[in-house]
Protein backbone atom coordinates (compact mmCIF):
# COMPACT_ATOMS: atom_id res chain seq x y z
CA UNK A 1 25.41 18.04 -68.01
CA UNK A 2 23.78 15.45 -65.60
CA UNK A 3 27.54 13.96 -64.85
CA UNK A 4 29.15 17.37 -64.05
CA UNK A 5 25.74 18.10 -61.82
CA UNK A 6 25.91 15.05 -59.65
CA UNK A 7 30.02 15.56 -59.60
CA UNK A 8 29.36 19.26 -58.24
CA UNK A 9 26.78 18.21 -55.61
CA UNK A 10 29.08 15.22 -54.42
CA UNK A 11 32.19 17.04 -54.26
CA UNK A 12 30.06 20.13 -52.22
CA UNK A 13 28.40 17.06 -50.11
CA UNK A 14 32.33 16.16 -49.22
CA UNK A 15 33.72 19.25 -48.27
CA UNK A 16 30.81 19.60 -45.73
CA UNK A 17 31.45 16.23 -44.40
CA UNK A 18 34.98 17.20 -43.89
CA UNK A 19 34.68 20.30 -42.54
CA UNK A 20 32.05 19.33 -39.96
CA UNK A 21 33.69 19.29 -36.59
CA UNK A 22 33.66 16.07 -34.77
CA UNK A 23 32.90 16.48 -31.12
CA UNK A 24 35.53 15.05 -28.76
CA UNK A 25 34.07 16.18 -25.65
CA UNK A 26 33.12 13.16 -23.62
CA UNK A 27 29.69 11.87 -22.61
CA UNK A 28 28.16 13.95 -19.51
CA UNK A 29 26.10 11.59 -17.14
CA UNK A 30 22.88 13.67 -16.95
CA UNK A 31 23.07 15.32 -13.71
CA UNK A 32 20.54 15.58 -10.87
CA UNK A 33 19.60 16.52 -7.09
CA UNK A 34 16.83 14.61 -5.56
CA UNK A 35 14.38 15.04 -2.92
CA UNK A 36 14.12 11.75 -0.63
CA UNK A 37 11.23 11.71 2.34
CA UNK A 38 12.54 8.90 4.84
CA UNK A 39 10.56 6.78 7.31
CA UNK A 40 10.93 6.66 10.03
CA UNK A 41 11.80 10.42 10.26
CA UNK A 42 15.02 11.84 11.32
CA UNK A 43 15.04 13.56 14.66
CA UNK A 44 15.07 16.98 12.70
CA UNK A 45 12.65 15.90 9.64
CA UNK A 46 11.62 13.18 7.38
CA UNK A 47 13.44 15.21 3.87
CA UNK A 48 16.95 14.39 2.71
CA UNK A 49 18.42 15.74 -0.52
CA UNK A 50 21.17 13.64 -2.55
CA UNK A 51 23.49 15.17 -5.33
CA UNK A 52 24.38 12.71 -7.56
CA UNK A 53 26.51 15.25 -9.78
CA UNK A 54 30.11 14.01 -8.73
CA UNK A 55 30.12 11.07 -11.51
CA UNK A 56 29.48 8.21 -9.03
CA UNK A 57 32.57 8.68 -6.92
CA UNK A 58 30.77 10.27 -4.19
CA UNK A 59 27.34 11.91 -3.64
CA UNK A 60 26.35 14.77 -0.86
CA UNK A 61 23.59 14.07 1.36
CA UNK A 62 21.89 17.39 3.01
CA UNK A 63 19.75 16.45 6.14
CA UNK A 64 16.64 17.85 7.02
CA UNK A 65 19.16 20.40 9.67
CA UNK A 66 20.82 21.91 6.53
CA UNK A 67 23.84 19.94 7.45
CA UNK A 68 25.66 18.37 4.59
CA UNK A 69 28.03 15.29 4.23
CA UNK A 70 29.72 13.58 1.44
CA UNK A 71 29.67 10.01 1.19
CA UNK A 72 32.20 8.27 -0.64
CA UNK A 73 31.68 4.90 -3.16
CA UNK A 74 32.01 1.64 -1.32
CA UNK A 75 31.99 -1.93 -2.89
CA UNK A 76 28.38 -3.50 -3.34
CA UNK A 77 27.46 -6.45 -4.24
CA UNK A 78 24.80 -4.99 -6.90
CA UNK A 79 23.14 -1.34 -7.16
CA UNK A 80 25.19 1.23 -4.77
CA UNK A 81 26.64 2.17 -1.94
CA UNK A 82 28.23 5.33 -0.23
CA UNK A 83 29.83 5.67 2.93
CA UNK A 84 31.44 8.04 5.88
CA UNK A 85 31.79 7.22 8.92
CA UNK A 86 28.83 5.56 10.36
CA UNK A 87 26.57 6.91 7.75
CA UNK A 88 25.41 4.72 4.77
CA UNK A 89 23.27 5.48 1.87
CA UNK A 90 22.26 1.75 -0.40
CA UNK A 91 20.30 1.29 -3.43
CA UNK A 92 19.34 0.28 -6.90
CA UNK A 93 18.58 3.46 -8.64
CA UNK A 94 17.50 6.74 -7.43
CA UNK A 95 13.98 6.40 -6.64
CA UNK A 96 14.30 4.50 -3.47
CA UNK A 97 17.16 3.98 -0.95
CA UNK A 98 18.31 3.08 2.40
CA UNK A 99 19.54 5.39 4.79
CA UNK A 100 21.50 4.08 8.08
CA UNK A 101 22.98 6.12 10.26
CA UNK A 102 25.21 4.54 13.27
CA UNK A 103 22.93 2.05 15.16
CA UNK A 104 19.73 4.10 14.60
CA UNK A 105 16.75 2.11 13.11
CA UNK A 106 17.21 1.96 8.30
CA UNK A 107 15.27 4.15 6.97
CA UNK A 108 13.49 3.95 3.56
CA UNK A 109 13.91 6.75 1.68
CA UNK A 110 11.50 7.54 -1.36
CA UNK A 111 12.06 10.10 -4.26
CA UNK A 112 9.69 12.80 -4.52
């Protein structure tokens, strides 16, 4: 009787394993939109917002005046670098980064 019960249990267990669907969906990066306070301030304020939701190929930067610019990923020695025209964002993580706009002073931006 014990052997029959064990076989029945194993058969049910095997059926559950076979019937369980396997996820074929790719892993999704944790989406993030972060605010940063930059010093020295930009002419229209100190806060920028960066939308990191593009899978690493680009970012969207929203400036204090409400204008948004997409920066494409560029070659970096280590960390990350995004560029569009004369605007560049460089860093090694999402906490602190450097913002360069043209020949203006480099701004240090800290995640809020």
